[in-house]
Protein backbone atom coordinates (compact mmCIF):
# COMPACT_ATOMS: atom_id res chain seq x y z
CA UNK A 1 53.48 162.84 -79.61
CA UNK A 2 52.99 166.62 -79.23
CA UNK A 3 53.78 169.12 -81.88
CA UNK A 4 54.61 172.89 -82.44
CA UNK A 5 53.50 173.05 -86.14
CA UNK A 6 50.76 175.05 -87.49
CA UNK A 7 49.19 174.63 -90.99
CA UNK A 8 48.19 177.48 -93.42
CA UNK A 9 48.88 180.00 -90.65
CA UNK A 10 50.61 183.32 -90.30
CA UNK A 11 52.04 184.39 -86.93
CA UNK A 12 52.14 188.20 -86.90
CA UNK A 13 54.64 190.22 -85.10
CA UNK A 14 53.79 190.72 -81.37
CA UNK A 15 51.76 193.82 -80.48
CA UNK A 16 54.63 195.13 -78.15
CA UNK A 17 57.51 194.34 -80.68
CA UNK A 18 60.04 197.24 -80.25
CA UNK A 19 60.98 197.54 -84.03
CA UNK A 20 58.98 198.93 -86.97
CA UNK A 21 60.81 196.83 -89.51
CA UNK A 22 62.30 193.42 -89.44
CA UNK A 23 65.91 193.17 -87.89
CA UNK A 24 68.56 190.47 -88.52
CA UNK A 25 69.29 189.02 -85.08
CA UNK A 26 73.01 188.92 -84.42
CA UNK A 27 75.04 186.40 -82.42
CA UNK A 28 76.53 187.73 -79.12
CA UNK A 29 80.20 187.51 -79.53
CA UNK A 30 80.89 183.99 -80.45
CA UNK A 31 77.58 182.75 -78.97
CA UNK A 32 74.64 181.86 -81.21
CA UNK A 33 71.44 183.25 -79.69
CA UNK A 34 67.97 181.45 -80.07
CA UNK A 35 66.98 184.28 -82.56
CA UNK A 36 70.08 184.20 -84.72
CA UNK A 37 69.90 180.29 -84.70
CA UNK A 38 66.25 180.23 -85.87
CA UNK A 39 66.85 183.13 -88.24
CA UNK A 40 69.87 181.59 -90.10
CA UNK A 41 68.21 178.12 -90.37
CA UNK A 42 64.80 179.39 -91.64
CA UNK A 43 66.15 182.21 -93.87
CA UNK A 44 68.66 179.80 -95.65
CA UNK A 45 66.00 177.24 -96.42
CA UNK A 46 62.55 178.84 -96.65
CA UNK A 47 59.64 176.24 -96.72
CA UNK A 48 62.12 173.42 -96.08
CA UNK A 49 61.64 172.90 -92.15
CA UNK A 50 58.62 172.71 -89.85
CA UNK A 51 58.52 174.36 -86.49
CA UNK A 52 59.18 171.08 -84.82
CA UNK A 53 62.50 170.72 -86.98
CA UNK A 54 63.65 174.21 -85.92
CA UNK A 55 63.01 173.69 -82.25
CA UNK A 56 64.29 170.16 -82.07
CA UNK A 57 67.37 170.95 -84.12
CA UNK A 58 68.22 173.80 -81.93
CA UNK A 59 67.98 171.61 -78.77
CA UNK A 60 69.88 168.89 -80.40
CA UNK A 61 72.84 170.99 -81.61
CA UNK A 62 73.04 172.68 -78.06
CA UNK A 63 73.05 169.15 -76.46
CA UNK A 64 75.59 167.95 -79.05
CA UNK A 65 73.43 165.10 -80.25
CA UNK A 66 74.41 163.14 -83.54
CA UNK A 67 73.49 160.17 -85.40
CA UNK A 68 71.26 157.54 -83.87
CA UNK A 69 71.18 159.46 -80.45
CA UNK A 70 69.74 162.47 -82.34
CA UNK A 71 66.97 160.37 -83.87
CA UNK A 72 66.01 158.56 -80.74
CA UNK A 73 66.02 161.88 -78.88
CA UNK A 74 63.32 163.57 -81.08
CA UNK A 75 60.61 161.17 -80.04
CA UNK A 76 61.36 161.60 -76.43
CA UNK A 77 61.81 165.39 -76.73
CA UNK A 78 58.16 165.77 -78.14
CA UNK A 79 56.60 163.57 -75.66
CA UNK A 80 55.84 166.68 -73.63
CA UNK A 81 54.56 170.11 -74.92
CA UNK A 82 57.05 172.53 -76.10
CA UNK A 83 56.80 176.18 -76.67
CA UNK A 84 55.95 177.03 -80.37
CA UNK A 85 57.36 179.63 -82.47
CA UNK A 86 54.88 182.17 -81.29
CA UNK A 87 57.31 182.42 -78.28
CA UNK A 88 60.30 182.93 -80.65
CA UNK A 89 62.30 186.23 -80.47
CA UNK A 90 61.90 186.52 -84.18
CA UNK A 91 58.23 187.69 -83.69
CA UNK A 92 58.61 189.14 -80.19
CA UNK A 93 61.68 191.25 -80.64
CA UNK A 94 63.01 191.31 -84.13
CA UNK A 95 59.98 191.98 -86.27
CA UNK A 96 59.58 188.79 -88.28
CA UNK A 97 56.33 187.10 -89.17
CA UNK A 98 56.13 183.40 -89.59
CA UNK A 99 54.25 181.79 -92.54
CA UNK A 100 53.24 178.11 -92.36
CA UNK A 101 52.18 176.51 -95.56
CA UNK A 102 49.89 173.74 -96.26
CA UNK A 103 52.38 171.15 -95.17
CA UNK A 104 53.44 173.02 -92.02
CA UNK A 105 56.84 174.16 -93.48
CA UNK A 106 57.82 177.72 -92.55
CA UNK A 107 59.39 180.89 -94.09
CA UNK A 108 59.82 184.32 -92.30
CA UNK A 109 58.92 187.85 -93.62
CA UNK A 110 60.03 191.11 -92.19
CA UNK A 111 57.58 193.55 -90.90
CA UNK A 112 57.42 196.63 -93.16
CA UNK A 113 57.79 194.68 -96.34
CA UNK A 114 54.93 194.10 -98.97
CA UNK A 115 55.24 190.24 -98.41
CA UNK A 116 54.59 190.66 -94.62
CA UNK A 117 51.51 192.73 -95.38
CA UNK A 118 50.32 190.35 -97.98
CA UNK A 119 50.25 187.39 -95.57
CA UNK A 120 48.92 189.62 -92.69
CA UNK A 121 45.89 190.50 -94.85
CA UNK A 122 45.34 187.05 -96.46
CA UNK A 123 41.85 185.90 -95.37
CA UNK A 124 42.74 182.20 -96.58
CA UNK A 125 45.22 181.91 -93.65
CA UNK A 126 44.70 181.44 -90.09
CA UNK A 127 46.12 184.32 -88.05
CA UNK A 128 47.69 184.53 -84.54
CA UNK A 129 50.35 186.95 -83.07
CA UNK A 130 53.54 186.23 -81.52
CA UNK A 131 53.46 186.34 -77.63
CA UNK A 132 53.89 189.64 -75.90
CA UNK A 133 57.04 190.25 -74.09
CA UNK A 134 55.16 192.14 -71.30
CA UNK A 135 51.96 191.65 -69.66
CA UNK A 136 49.05 193.81 -71.14
């Protein structure tokens, strides 16, 4: 089974992120966006979910999966590689860094805050950046 999880890692905001400080992603009308779904789930429950949890739950909710069908679908879903949260609009567009703890659970921190800077400068963590939106 493949995974999108990291351990003891901080995903910094992408180099070409258009905002100087973290912004809260908004739904578009009555449609929940990828960014607003991920933001709402993570901000409401910091360090509760892993990346796999966030990505799969978003897929399962979109597909309307529930009960045993949802449980069965998770194993199938991760049989092939999936994009990790480095590809999330949170780090690419909205200015949110993603911290993974020692168990792979995540929380987000807005660029421009002391917490973001603390994680960005922590030598005990692995560091990577969110994917760029445009080619260099």
